[in-house]
C-alpha cells in the first residue's frame, strides 16, 4: 500500500540560529511555547499571522526552557532581527537571545 501523503509544509525558514529577535511595526502578539511546532500552531490561530519568530530569551523567564513565540503580519529576515537583548532583569542579570529563527508562510 501507498504511504499516507502529507501536505507540504507551508512555512519557509527565513533565518535560523540567530542571536537577535525580530522587532517590527507589524508585531501581533507573543506567547511561550515548548516547540517550534507549537508556535506554528499559535500563528495559524491568530488572524493575519504570516510570520513567526521563535527564540530563547535567556535570563528573562526565570530559567524557563520555553521558547518565546513572536507573531507578525509580514515576513521578515535576519536584518529585521535587531533585538539582541541587553535588558537588565529584576535579579540584576542581563538577558540575551539564542536560537532565534524566523518562519514565513508560503
PDB file of N, CA and C in Angstrom:
ATOM      1  N   UNK A   1       0.825  -1.210   0.000  1.00  0.00           N
ATOM      2  CA  UNK A   1       0.000   0.000   0.000  1.00  0.00           C
ATOM      3  C   UNK A   1       0.860   1.261   0.000  1.00  0.00           C
ATOM      4  N   UNK A   2       0.281   2.319  -0.539  1.00  0.00           N
ATOM      5  CA  UNK A   2       0.993   3.608  -0.585  1.00  0.00           C
ATOM      6  C   UNK A   2       1.046   4.236   0.805  1.00  0.00           C
ATOM      7  N   UNK A   3       2.167   4.846   1.141  1.00  0.00           N
ATOM      8  CA  UNK A   3       2.210   5.565   2.422  1.00  0.00           C
ATOM      9  C   UNK A   3       1.263   6.763   2.361  1.00  0.00           C
ATOM     10  N   UNK A   4       0.769   7.186   3.517  1.00  0.00           N
ATOM     11  CA  UNK A   4      -0.118   8.347   3.505  1.00  0.00           C
ATOM     12  C   UNK A   4       0.614   9.579   2.986  1.00  0.00           C
ATOM     13  N   UNK A   5      -0.093  10.392   2.235  1.00  0.00           N
ATOM     14  CA  UNK A   5       0.544  11.607   1.736  1.00  0.00           C
ATOM     15  C   UNK A   5       0.358  12.724   2.760  1.00  0.00           C
ATOM     16  N   UNK A   6       1.392  13.510   2.934  1.00  0.00           N
ATOM     17  CA  UNK A   6       1.352  14.625   3.866  1.00  0.00           C
ATOM     18  C   UNK A   6       1.394  15.917   3.063  1.00  0.00           C
ATOM     19  N   UNK A   7       0.578  16.894   3.436  1.00  0.00           N
ATOM     20  CA  UNK A   7       0.657  18.170   2.714  1.00  0.00           C
ATOM     21  C   UNK A   7       2.034  18.790   2.907  1.00  0.00           C
ATOM     22  N   UNK A   8       2.477  19.542   1.922  1.00  0.00           N
ATOM     23  CA  UNK A   8       3.793  20.168   2.055  1.00  0.00           C
ATOM     24  C   UNK A   8       3.735  21.217   3.157  1.00  0.00           C
ATOM     25  N   UNK A   9       4.847  21.387   3.814  1.00  0.00           N
ATOM     26  CA  UNK A   9       4.942  22.353   4.908  1.00  0.00           C
ATOM     27  C   UNK A   9       4.766  23.761   4.340  1.00  0.00           C
ATOM     28  N   UNK A  10       3.788  24.528   4.856  1.00  0.00           N
ATOM     29  CA  UNK A  10       3.557  25.864   4.303  1.00  0.00           C
ATOM     30  C   UNK A  10       4.519  26.936   4.829  1.00  0.00           C
ATOM     31  N   UNK A  11       5.473  26.548   5.665  1.00  0.00           N
ATOM     32  CA  UNK A  11       6.375  27.518   6.282  1.00  0.00           C
ATOM     33  C   UNK A  11       7.784  27.406   5.719  1.00  0.00           C
ATOM     34  N   UNK A  12       8.380  28.537   5.381  1.00  0.00           N
ATOM     35  CA  UNK A  12       9.748  28.589   4.875  1.00  0.00           C
ATOM     36  C   UNK A  12      10.636  29.290   5.896  1.00  0.00           C
ATOM     37  N   UNK A  13      11.723  28.652   6.337  1.00  0.00           N
ATOM     38  CA  UNK A  13      12.636  29.356   7.252  1.00  0.00           C
ATOM     39  C   UNK A  13      13.290  30.540   6.532  1.00  0.00           C
ATOM     40  N   UNK A  14      13.317  31.703   7.178  1.00  0.00           N
ATOM     41  CA  UNK A  14      13.985  32.872   6.604  1.00  0.00           C
ATOM     42  C   UNK A  14      15.343  33.115   7.269  1.00  0.00           C
ATOM     43  N   UNK A  15      15.517  32.592   8.486  1.00  0.00           N
ATOM     44  CA  UNK A  15      16.825  32.585   9.158  1.00  0.00           C
ATOM     45  C   UNK A  15      16.744  31.594  10.314  1.00  0.00           C
ATOM     46  N   UNK A  16      17.903  31.112  10.738  1.00  0.00           N
ATOM     47  CA  UNK A  16      17.968  30.169  11.851  1.00  0.00           C
ATOM     48  C   UNK A  16      19.191  30.476  12.706  1.00  0.00           C
ATOM     49  N   UNK A  17      19.152  29.991  13.945  1.00  0.00           N
ATOM     50  CA  UNK A  17      20.290  30.066  14.867  1.00  0.00           C
ATOM     51  C   UNK A  17      20.829  31.479  15.068  1.00  0.00           C
ATOM     52  N   UNK A  18      19.912  32.465  15.116  1.00  0.00           N
ATOM     53  CA  UNK A  18      20.325  33.846  15.322  1.00  0.00           C
ATOM     54  C   UNK A  18      20.515  34.179  16.798  1.00  0.00           C
ATOM     55  N   UNK A  19      21.108  35.330  17.043  1.00  0.00           N
ATOM     56  CA  UNK A  19      21.316  35.801  18.409  1.00  0.00           C
ATOM     57  C   UNK A  19      20.533  37.087  18.681  1.00  0.00           C
ATOM     58  N   UNK A  20      19.576  37.399  17.805  1.00  0.00           N
ATOM     59  CA  UNK A  20      18.702  38.551  17.981  1.00  0.00           C
ATOM     60  C   UNK A  20      17.294  38.168  17.533  1.00  0.00           C
ATOM     61  N   UNK A  21      16.294  38.848  18.091  1.00  0.00           N
ATOM     62  CA  UNK A  21      14.896  38.595  17.757  1.00  0.00           C
ATOM     63  C   UNK A  21      14.363  39.721  16.867  1.00  0.00           C
ATOM     64  N   UNK A  22      13.333  39.402  16.101  1.00  0.00           N
ATOM     65  CA  UNK A  22      12.723  40.393  15.205  1.00  0.00           C
ATOM     66  C   UNK A  22      11.976  41.452  16.029  1.00  0.00           C
ATOM     67  N   UNK A  23      12.179  42.715  15.655  1.00  0.00           N
ATOM     68  CA  UNK A  23      11.405  43.846  16.159  1.00  0.00           C
ATOM     69  C   UNK A  23      10.842  44.538  14.937  1.00  0.00           C
ATOM     70  N   UNK A  24       9.509  44.698  14.873  1.00  0.00           N
ATOM     71  CA  UNK A  24       8.920  45.326  13.691  1.00  0.00           C
ATOM     72  C   UNK A  24       7.539  45.882  14.020  1.00  0.00           C
ATOM     73  N   UNK A  25       7.109  46.847  13.204  1.00  0.00           N
ATOM     74  CA  UNK A  25       5.836  47.519  13.420  1.00  0.00           C
ATOM     75  C   UNK A  25       4.629  46.616  13.219  1.00  0.00           C
ATOM     76  N   UNK A  26       4.794  45.502  12.513  1.00  0.00           N
ATOM     77  CA  UNK A  26       3.657  44.609  12.246  1.00  0.00           C
ATOM     78  C   UNK A  26       3.528  43.496  13.297  1.00  0.00           C
ATOM     79  N   UNK A  27       4.155  43.689  14.450  1.00  0.00           N
ATOM     80  CA  UNK A  27       4.065  42.743  15.566  1.00  0.00           C
ATOM     81  C   UNK A  27       2.605  42.562  15.970  1.00  0.00           C
ATOM     82  N   UNK A  28       2.211  41.303  16.207  1.00  0.00           N
ATOM     83  CA  UNK A  28       0.836  40.994  16.605  1.00  0.00           C
ATOM     84  C   UNK A  28       0.733  40.649  18.093  1.00  0.00           C
ATOM     85  N   UNK A  29       1.470  39.642  18.526  1.00  0.00           N
ATOM     86  CA  UNK A  29       1.433  39.194  19.914  1.00  0.00           C
ATOM     87  C   UNK A  29       2.560  38.193  20.136  1.00  0.00           C
ATOM     88  N   UNK A  30       2.686  37.695  21.350  1.00  0.00           N
ATOM     89  CA  UNK A  30       3.677  36.658  21.624  1.00  0.00           C
ATOM     90  C   UNK A  30       3.132  35.714  22.685  1.00  0.00           C
ATOM     91  N   UNK A  31       3.795  34.575  22.829  1.00  0.00           N
ATOM     92  CA  UNK A  31       3.482  33.627  23.881  1.00  0.00           C
ATOM     93  C   UNK A  31       4.700  32.780  24.155  1.00  0.00           C
ATOM     94  N   UNK A  32       4.615  31.943  25.177  1.00  0.00           N
ATOM     95  CA  UNK A  32       5.675  30.994  25.483  1.00  0.00           C
ATOM     96  C   UNK A  32       5.214  29.619  25.050  1.00  0.00           C
ATOM     97  N   UNK A  33       6.065  28.902  24.326  1.00  0.00           N
ATOM     98  CA  UNK A  33       5.709  27.595  23.774  1.00  0.00           C
ATOM     99  C   UNK A  33       6.835  26.598  24.051  1.00  0.00           C
ATOM    100  N   UNK A  34       6.506  25.332  23.902  1.00  0.00           N
ATOM    101  CA  UNK A  34       7.509  24.284  24.131  1.00  0.00           C
ATOM    102  C   UNK A  34       8.296  23.930  22.875  1.00  0.00           C
ATOM    103  N   UNK A  35       7.683  24.076  21.687  1.00  0.00           N
ATOM    104  CA  UNK A  35       8.336  23.670  20.446  1.00  0.00           C
ATOM    105  C   UNK A  35       8.035  24.679  19.330  1.00  0.00           C
ATOM    106  N   UNK A  36       8.831  24.608  18.273  1.00  0.00           N
ATOM    107  CA  UNK A  36       8.576  25.423  17.083  1.00  0.00           C
ATOM    108  C   UNK A  36       7.205  25.070  16.501  1.00  0.00           C
ATOM    109  N   UNK A  37       6.833  23.787  16.504  1.00  0.00           N
ATOM    110  CA  UNK A  37       5.522  23.381  16.011  1.00  0.00           C
ATOM    111  C   UNK A  37       4.396  24.049  16.797  1.00  0.00           C
ATOM    112  N   UNK A  38       4.582  24.208  18.111  1.00  0.00           N
ATOM    113  CA  UNK A  38       3.575  24.890  18.926  1.00  0.00           C
ATOM    114  C   UNK A  38       3.435  26.351  18.502  1.00  0.00           C
ATOM    115  N   UNK A  39       4.529  26.983  18.139  1.00  0.00           N
ATOM    116  CA  UNK A  39       4.489  28.374  17.695  1.00  0.00           C
ATOM    117  C   UNK A  39       3.780  28.465  16.342  1.00  0.00           C
ATOM    118  N   UNK A  40       4.061  27.514  15.462  1.00  0.00           N
ATOM    119  CA  UNK A  40       3.375  27.465  14.168  1.00  0.00           C
ATOM    120  C   UNK A  40       1.865  27.363  14.380  1.00  0.00           C
ATOM    121  N   UNK A  41       1.458  26.490  15.299  1.00  0.00           N
ATOM    122  CA  UNK A  41       0.038  26.326  15.603  1.00  0.00           C
ATOM    123  C   UNK A  41      -0.544  27.626  16.147  1.00  0.00           C
ATOM    124  N   UNK A  42       0.209  28.297  17.013  1.00  0.00           N
ATOM    125  CA  UNK A  42      -0.251  29.571  17.561  1.00  0.00           C
ATOM    126  C   UNK A  42      -0.455  30.599  16.451  1.00  0.00           C
ATOM    127  N   UNK A  43       0.502  30.698  15.542  1.00  0.00           N
ATOM    128  CA  UNK A  43       0.413  31.655  14.438  1.00  0.00           C
ATOM    129  C   UNK A  43      -0.794  31.336  13.549  1.00  0.00           C
ATOM    130  N   UNK A  44      -0.990  30.073  13.264  1.00  0.00           N
ATOM    131  CA  UNK A  44      -2.108  29.663  12.411  1.00  0.00           C
ATOM    132  C   UNK A  44      -3.444  30.085  13.026  1.00  0.00           C
ATOM    133  N   UNK A  45      -3.500  30.142  14.354  1.00  0.00           N
ATOM    134  CA  UNK A  45      -4.737  30.501  15.039  1.00  0.00           C
ATOM    135  C   UNK A  45      -4.954  31.993  15.244  1.00  0.00           C
ATOM    136  N   UNK A  46      -3.992  32.821  14.830  1.00  0.00           N
ATOM    137  CA  UNK A  46      -4.118  34.270  15.004  1.00  0.00           C
ATOM    138  C   UNK A  46      -4.363  34.910  13.640  1.00  0.00           C
ATOM    139  N   UNK A  47      -5.471  35.618  13.531  1.00  0.00           N
ATOM    140  CA  UNK A  47      -5.852  36.256  12.269  1.00  0.00           C
ATOM    141  C   UNK A  47      -4.761  37.202  11.783  1.00  0.00           C
ATOM    142  N   UNK A  48      -4.341  37.039  10.533  1.00  0.00           N
ATOM    143  CA  UNK A  48      -3.343  37.910   9.929  1.00  0.00           C
ATOM    144  C   UNK A  48      -1.907  37.477  10.123  1.00  0.00           C
ATOM    145  N   UNK A  49      -1.666  36.426  10.899  1.00  0.00           N
ATOM    146  CA  UNK A  49      -0.289  35.991  11.152  1.00  0.00           C
ATOM    147  C   UNK A  49       0.262  35.236   9.942  1.00  0.00           C
ATOM    148  N   UNK A  50       1.396  35.727   9.414  1.00  0.00           N
ATOM    149  CA  UNK A  50       2.076  35.051   8.301  1.00  0.00           C
ATOM    150  C   UNK A  50       3.548  34.776   8.609  1.00  0.00           C
ATOM    151  N   UNK A  51       3.998  35.181   9.811  1.00  0.00           N
ATOM    152  CA  UNK A  51       5.405  35.006  10.161  1.00  0.00           C
ATOM    153  C   UNK A  51       5.515  34.826  11.665  1.00  0.00           C
ATOM    154  N   UNK A  52       6.377  33.877  12.062  1.00  0.00           N
ATOM    155  CA  UNK A  52       6.662  33.747  13.490  1.00  0.00           C
ATOM    156  C   UNK A  52       8.152  33.644  13.730  1.00  0.00           C
ATOM    157  N   UNK A  53       8.567  34.152  14.896  1.00  0.00           N
ATOM    158  CA  UNK A  53       9.963  34.160  15.319  1.00  0.00           C
ATOM    159  C   UNK A  53      10.031  33.442  16.662  1.00  0.00           C
ATOM    160  N   UNK A  54      10.788  32.348  16.701  1.00  0.00           N
ATOM    161  CA  UNK A  54      10.992  31.620  17.957  1.00  0.00           C
ATOM    162  C   UNK A  54      12.407  31.888  18.438  1.00  0.00           C
ATOM    163  N   UNK A  55      12.553  31.988  19.761  1.00  0.00           N
ATOM    164  CA  UNK A  55      13.890  32.207  20.324  1.00  0.00           C
ATOM    165  C   UNK A  55      13.868  31.961  21.823  1.00  0.00           C
ATOM    166  N   UNK A  56      15.059  31.752  22.366  1.00  0.00           N
ATOM    167  CA  UNK A  56      15.231  31.661  23.811  1.00  0.00           C
ATOM    168  C   UNK A  56      15.639  33.045  24.310  1.00  0.00           C
ATOM    169  N   UNK A  57      14.817  33.598  25.194  1.00  0.00           N
ATOM    170  CA  UNK A  57      15.119  34.886  25.828  1.00  0.00           C
ATOM    171  C   UNK A  57      15.751  34.556  27.173  1.00  0.00           C
ATOM    172  N   UNK A  58      17.044  34.312  27.146  1.00  0.00           N
ATOM    173  CA  UNK A  58      17.777  33.834  28.320  1.00  0.00           C
ATOM    174  C   UNK A  58      17.821  34.875  29.432  1.00  0.00           C
ATOM    175  N   UNK A  59      17.616  34.406  30.642  1.00  0.00           N
ATOM    176  CA  UNK A  59      17.597  35.197  31.877  1.00  0.00           C
ATOM    177  C   UNK A  59      16.303  35.985  32.056  1.00  0.00           C
ATOM    178  N   UNK A  60      15.385  35.960  31.099  1.00  0.00           N
ATOM    179  CA  UNK A  60      14.173  36.775  31.210  1.00  0.00           C
ATOM    180  C   UNK A  60      12.966  35.963  31.666  1.00  0.00           C
ATOM    181  N   UNK A  61      13.101  34.642  31.778  1.00  0.00           N
ATOM    182  CA  UNK A  61      11.941  33.805  32.096  1.00  0.00           C
ATOM    183  C   UNK A  61      12.189  32.927  33.313  1.00  0.00           C
ATOM    184  N   UNK A  62      12.948  33.394  34.265  1.00  0.00           N
ATOM    185  CA  UNK A  62      13.214  32.636  35.494  1.00  0.00           C
ATOM    186  C   UNK A  62      13.720  31.225  35.232  1.00  0.00           C
ATOM    187  N   UNK A  63      14.609  31.068  34.250  1.00  0.00           N
ATOM    188  CA  UNK A  63      15.208  29.777  33.966  1.00  0.00           C
ATOM    189  C   UNK A  63      14.355  28.854  33.124  1.00  0.00           C
ATOM    190  N   UNK A  64      13.236  29.347  32.608  1.00  0.00           N
ATOM    191  CA  UNK A  64      12.352  28.517  31.792  1.00  0.00           C
ATOM    192  C   UNK A  64      13.061  28.070  30.513  1.00  0.00           C
ATOM    193  N   UNK A  65      12.772  26.857  30.082  1.00  0.00           N
ATOM    194  CA  UNK A  65      13.324  26.361  28.824  1.00  0.00           C
ATOM    195  C   UNK A  65      12.373  26.624  27.655  1.00  0.00           C
ATOM    196  N   UNK A  66      11.235  27.254  27.930  1.00  0.00           N
ATOM    197  CA  UNK A  66      10.278  27.506  26.857  1.00  0.00           C
ATOM    198  C   UNK A  66      10.822  28.535  25.870  1.00  0.00           C
ATOM    199  N   UNK A  67      10.339  28.424  24.632  1.00  0.00           N
ATOM    200  CA  UNK A  67      10.669  29.371  23.574  1.00  0.00           C
ATOM    201  C   UNK A  67       9.703  30.549  23.626  1.00  0.00           C
ATOM    202  N   UNK A  68      10.207  31.728  23.342  1.00  0.00           N
ATOM    203  CA  UNK A  68       9.325  32.856  23.068  1.00  0.00           C
ATOM    204  C   UNK A  68       8.876  32.721  21.622  1.00  0.00           C
ATOM    205  N   UNK A  69       7.587  32.929  21.386  1.00  0.00           N
ATOM    206  CA  UNK A  69       6.979  32.815  20.058  1.00  0.00           C
ATOM    207  C   UNK A  69       6.357  34.169  19.739  1.00  0.00           C
ATOM    208  N   UNK A  70       7.001  34.936  18.862  1.00  0.00           N
ATOM    209  CA  UNK A  70       6.508  36.259  18.486  1.00  0.00           C
ATOM    210  C   UNK A  70       5.871  36.174  17.104  1.00  0.00           C
ATOM    211  N   UNK A  71       4.693  36.771  16.958  1.00  0.00           N
ATOM    212  CA  UNK A  71       3.911  36.678  15.719  1.00  0.00           C
ATOM    213  C   UNK A  71       3.840  38.031  15.014  1.00  0.00           C
ATOM    214  N   UNK A  72       3.875  37.974  13.673  1.00  0.00           N
ATOM    215  CA  UNK A  72       3.885  39.186  12.850  1.00  0.00           C
ATOM    216  C   UNK A  72       2.970  39.014  11.638  1.00  0.00           C
ATOM    217  N   UNK A  73       2.545  40.147  11.059  1.00  0.00           N
ATOM    218  CA  UNK A  73       1.647  40.102   9.900  1.00  0.00           C
ATOM    219  C   UNK A  73       2.389  40.229   8.573  1.00  0.00           C
ATOM    220  N   UNK A  74       3.722  40.383   8.606  1.00  0.00           N
ATOM    221  CA  UNK A  74       4.553  40.416   7.403  1.00  0.00           C
ATOM    222  C   UNK A  74       5.759  39.511   7.638  1.00  0.00           C
ATOM    223  N   UNK A  75       6.358  39.048   6.552  1.00  0.00           N
ATOM    224  CA  UNK A  75       7.541  38.194   6.672  1.00  0.00           C
ATOM    225  C   UNK A  75       8.795  39.043   6.921  1.00  0.00           C
ATOM    226  N   UNK A  76       9.737  38.443   7.622  1.00  0.00           N
ATOM    227  CA  UNK A  76      10.972  39.141   7.989  1.00  0.00           C
ATOM    228  C   UNK A  76      12.169  38.228   7.771  1.00  0.00           C
ATOM    229  N   UNK A  77      13.360  38.852   7.707  1.00  0.00           N
ATOM    230  CA  UNK A  77      14.585  38.065   7.605  1.00  0.00           C
ATOM    231  C   UNK A  77      15.565  38.543   8.676  1.00  0.00           C
ATOM    232  N   UNK A  78      16.769  38.049   8.588  1.00  0.00           N
ATOM    233  CA  UNK A  78      17.781  38.308   9.624  1.00  0.00           C
ATOM    234  C   UNK A  78      18.003  39.800   9.870  1.00  0.00           C
ATOM    235  N   UNK A  79      17.900  40.629   8.825  1.00  0.00           N
ATOM    236  CA  UNK A  79      18.178  42.062   9.017  1.00  0.00           C
ATOM    237  C   UNK A  79      17.152  42.734   9.927  1.00  0.00           C
ATOM    238  N   UNK A  80      15.955  42.155  10.051  1.00  0.00           N
ATOM    239  CA  UNK A  80      14.929  42.701  10.942  1.00  0.00           C
ATOM    240  C   UNK A  80      15.099  42.212  12.380  1.00  0.00           C
ATOM    241  N   UNK A  81      15.993  41.267  12.575  1.00  0.00           N
ATOM    242  CA  UNK A  81      16.233  40.711  13.915  1.00  0.00           C
ATOM    243  C   UNK A  81      17.285  41.567  14.612  1.00  0.00           C
ATOM    244  N   UNK A  82      16.815  42.666  15.216  1.00  0.00           N
ATOM    245  CA  UNK A  82      17.766  43.597  15.826  1.00  0.00           C
ATOM    246  C   UNK A  82      17.539  43.791  17.325  1.00  0.00           C
ATOM    247  N   UNK A  83      16.690  42.955  17.924  1.00  0.00           N
ATOM    248  CA  UNK A  83      16.552  42.946  19.387  1.00  0.00           C
ATOM    249  C   UNK A  83      17.474  41.860  19.909  1.00  0.00           C
ATOM    250  N   UNK A  84      18.632  42.261  20.381  1.00  0.00           N
ATOM    251  CA  UNK A  84      19.649  41.293  20.802  1.00  0.00           C
ATOM    252  C   UNK A  84      19.721  41.140  22.316  1.00  0.00           C
ATOM    253  N   UNK A  85      18.674  41.590  23.001  1.00  0.00           N
ATOM    254  CA  UNK A  85      18.686  41.505  24.451  1.00  0.00           C
ATOM    255  C   UNK A  85      19.409  42.702  25.042  1.00  0.00           C
ATOM    256  N   UNK A  86      20.014  42.472  26.193  1.00  0.00           N
ATOM    257  CA  UNK A  86      20.744  43.533  26.858  1.00  0.00           C
ATOM    258  C   UNK A  86      19.943  44.253  27.923  1.00  0.00           C
ATOM    259  N   UNK A  87      18.686  43.822  28.140  1.00  0.00           N
ATOM    260  CA  UNK A  87      17.881  44.442  29.179  1.00  0.00           C
ATOM    261  C   UNK A  87      18.256  43.869  30.545  1.00  0.00           C
ATOM    262  N   UNK A  88      18.268  44.726  31.549  1.00  0.00           N
ATOM    263  CA  UNK A  88      18.552  44.286  32.913  1.00  0.00           C
ATOM    264  C   UNK A  88      17.288  43.712  33.525  1.00  0.00           C
ATOM    265  N   UNK A  89      17.398  42.510  34.032  1.00  0.00           N
ATOM    266  CA  UNK A  89      16.268  41.822  34.661  1.00  0.00           C
ATOM    267  C   UNK A  89      16.190  42.193  36.142  1.00  0.00           C
ATOM    268  N   UNK A  90      15.048  41.910  36.802  1.00  0.00           N
ATOM    269  CA  UNK A  90      14.886  42.269  38.218  1.00  0.00           C
ATOM    270  C   UNK A  90      15.988  41.711  39.134  1.00  0.00           C
ATOM    271  N   UNK A  91      16.559  40.560  38.771  1.00  0.00           N
ATOM    272  CA  UNK A  91      17.615  39.983  39.617  1.00  0.00           C
ATOM    273  C   UNK A  91      18.995  40.550  39.293  1.00  0.00           C
ATOM    274  N   UNK A  92      19.058  41.512  38.357  1.00  0.00           N
ATOM    275  CA  UNK A  92      20.328  42.142  38.006  1.00  0.00           C
ATOM    276  C   UNK A  92      21.033  41.500  36.828  1.00  0.00           C
ATOM    277  N   UNK A  93      20.564  40.324  36.379  1.00  0.00           N
ATOM    278  CA  UNK A  93      21.193  39.676  35.229  1.00  0.00           C
ATOM    279  C   UNK A  93      20.779  40.412  33.946  1.00  0.00           C
ATOM    280  N   UNK A  94      21.523  40.179  32.891  1.00  0.00           N
ATOM    281  CA  UNK A  94      21.248  40.785  31.591  1.00  0.00           C
ATOM    282  C   UNK A  94      20.708  39.686  30.676  1.00  0.00           C
ATOM    283  N   UNK A  95      19.566  39.968  30.008  1.00  0.00           N
ATOM    284  CA  UNK A  95      19.026  38.938  29.118  1.00  0.00           C
ATOM    285  C   UNK A  95      19.781  38.918  27.794  1.00  0.00           C
ATOM    286  N   UNK A  96      19.732  37.775  27.128  1.00  0.00           N
ATOM    287  CA  UNK A  96      20.334  37.631  25.813  1.00  0.00           C
ATOM    288  C   UNK A  96      19.536  36.604  25.018  1.00  0.00           C
ATOM    289  N   UNK A  97      19.614  36.717  23.697  1.00  0.00           N
ATOM    290  CA  UNK A  97      18.818  35.910  22.774  1.00  0.00           C
ATOM    291  C   UNK A  97      19.675  34.807  22.171  1.00  0.00           C
ATOM    292  N   UNK A  98      19.127  33.584  22.118  1.00  0.00           N
ATOM    293  CA  UNK A  98      19.794  32.478  21.416  1.00  0.00           C
ATOM    294  C   UNK A  98      18.760  31.708  20.607  1.00  0.00           C
ATOM    295  N   UNK A  99      19.254  30.959  19.635  1.00  0.00           N
ATOM    296  CA  UNK A  99      18.441  30.058  18.808  1.00  0.00           C
ATOM    297  C   UNK A  99      17.241  30.744  18.182  1.00  0.00           C
ATOM    298  N   UNK A 100      17.426  31.987  17.743  1.00  0.00           N
ATOM    299  CA  UNK A 100      16.361  32.731  17.081  1.00  0.00           C
ATOM    300  C   UNK A 100      16.184  32.223  15.652  1.00  0.00           C
ATOM    301  N   UNK A 101      14.918  31.993  15.267  1.00  0.00           N
ATOM    302  CA  UNK A 101      14.619  31.506  13.925  1.00  0.00           C
ATOM    303  C   UNK A 101      13.320  32.155  13.448  1.00  0.00           C
ATOM    304  N   UNK A 102      13.249  32.432  12.153  1.00  0.00           N
ATOM    305  CA  UNK A 102      12.059  33.031  11.566  1.00  0.00           C
ATOM    306  C   UNK A 102      11.458  32.124  10.515  1.00  0.00           C
ATOM    307  N   UNK A 103      10.118  32.095  10.454  1.00  0.00           N
ATOM    308  CA  UNK A 103       9.405  31.251   9.510  1.00  0.00           C
ATOM    309  C   UNK A 103       8.290  32.047   8.846  1.00  0.00           C
ATOM    310  N   UNK A 104       8.301  32.053   7.508  1.00  0.00           N
ATOM    311  CA  UNK A 104       7.326  32.793   6.719  1.00  0.00           C
ATOM    312  C   UNK A 104       6.380  31.827   6.016  1.00  0.00           C
ATOM    313  N   UNK A 105       5.078  32.155   6.047  1.00  0.00           N
ATOM    314  CA  UNK A 105       4.088  31.315   5.367  1.00  0.00           C
ATOM    315  C   UNK A 105       4.223  31.502   3.864  1.00  0.00           C
ATOM    316  N   UNK A 106       4.299  30.397   3.133  1.00  0.00           N
ATOM    317  CA  UNK A 106       4.473  30.435   1.675  1.00  0.00           C
ATOM    318  C   UNK A 106       3.242  31.024   1.004  1.00  0.00           C
TER     319      UNK A 106
END
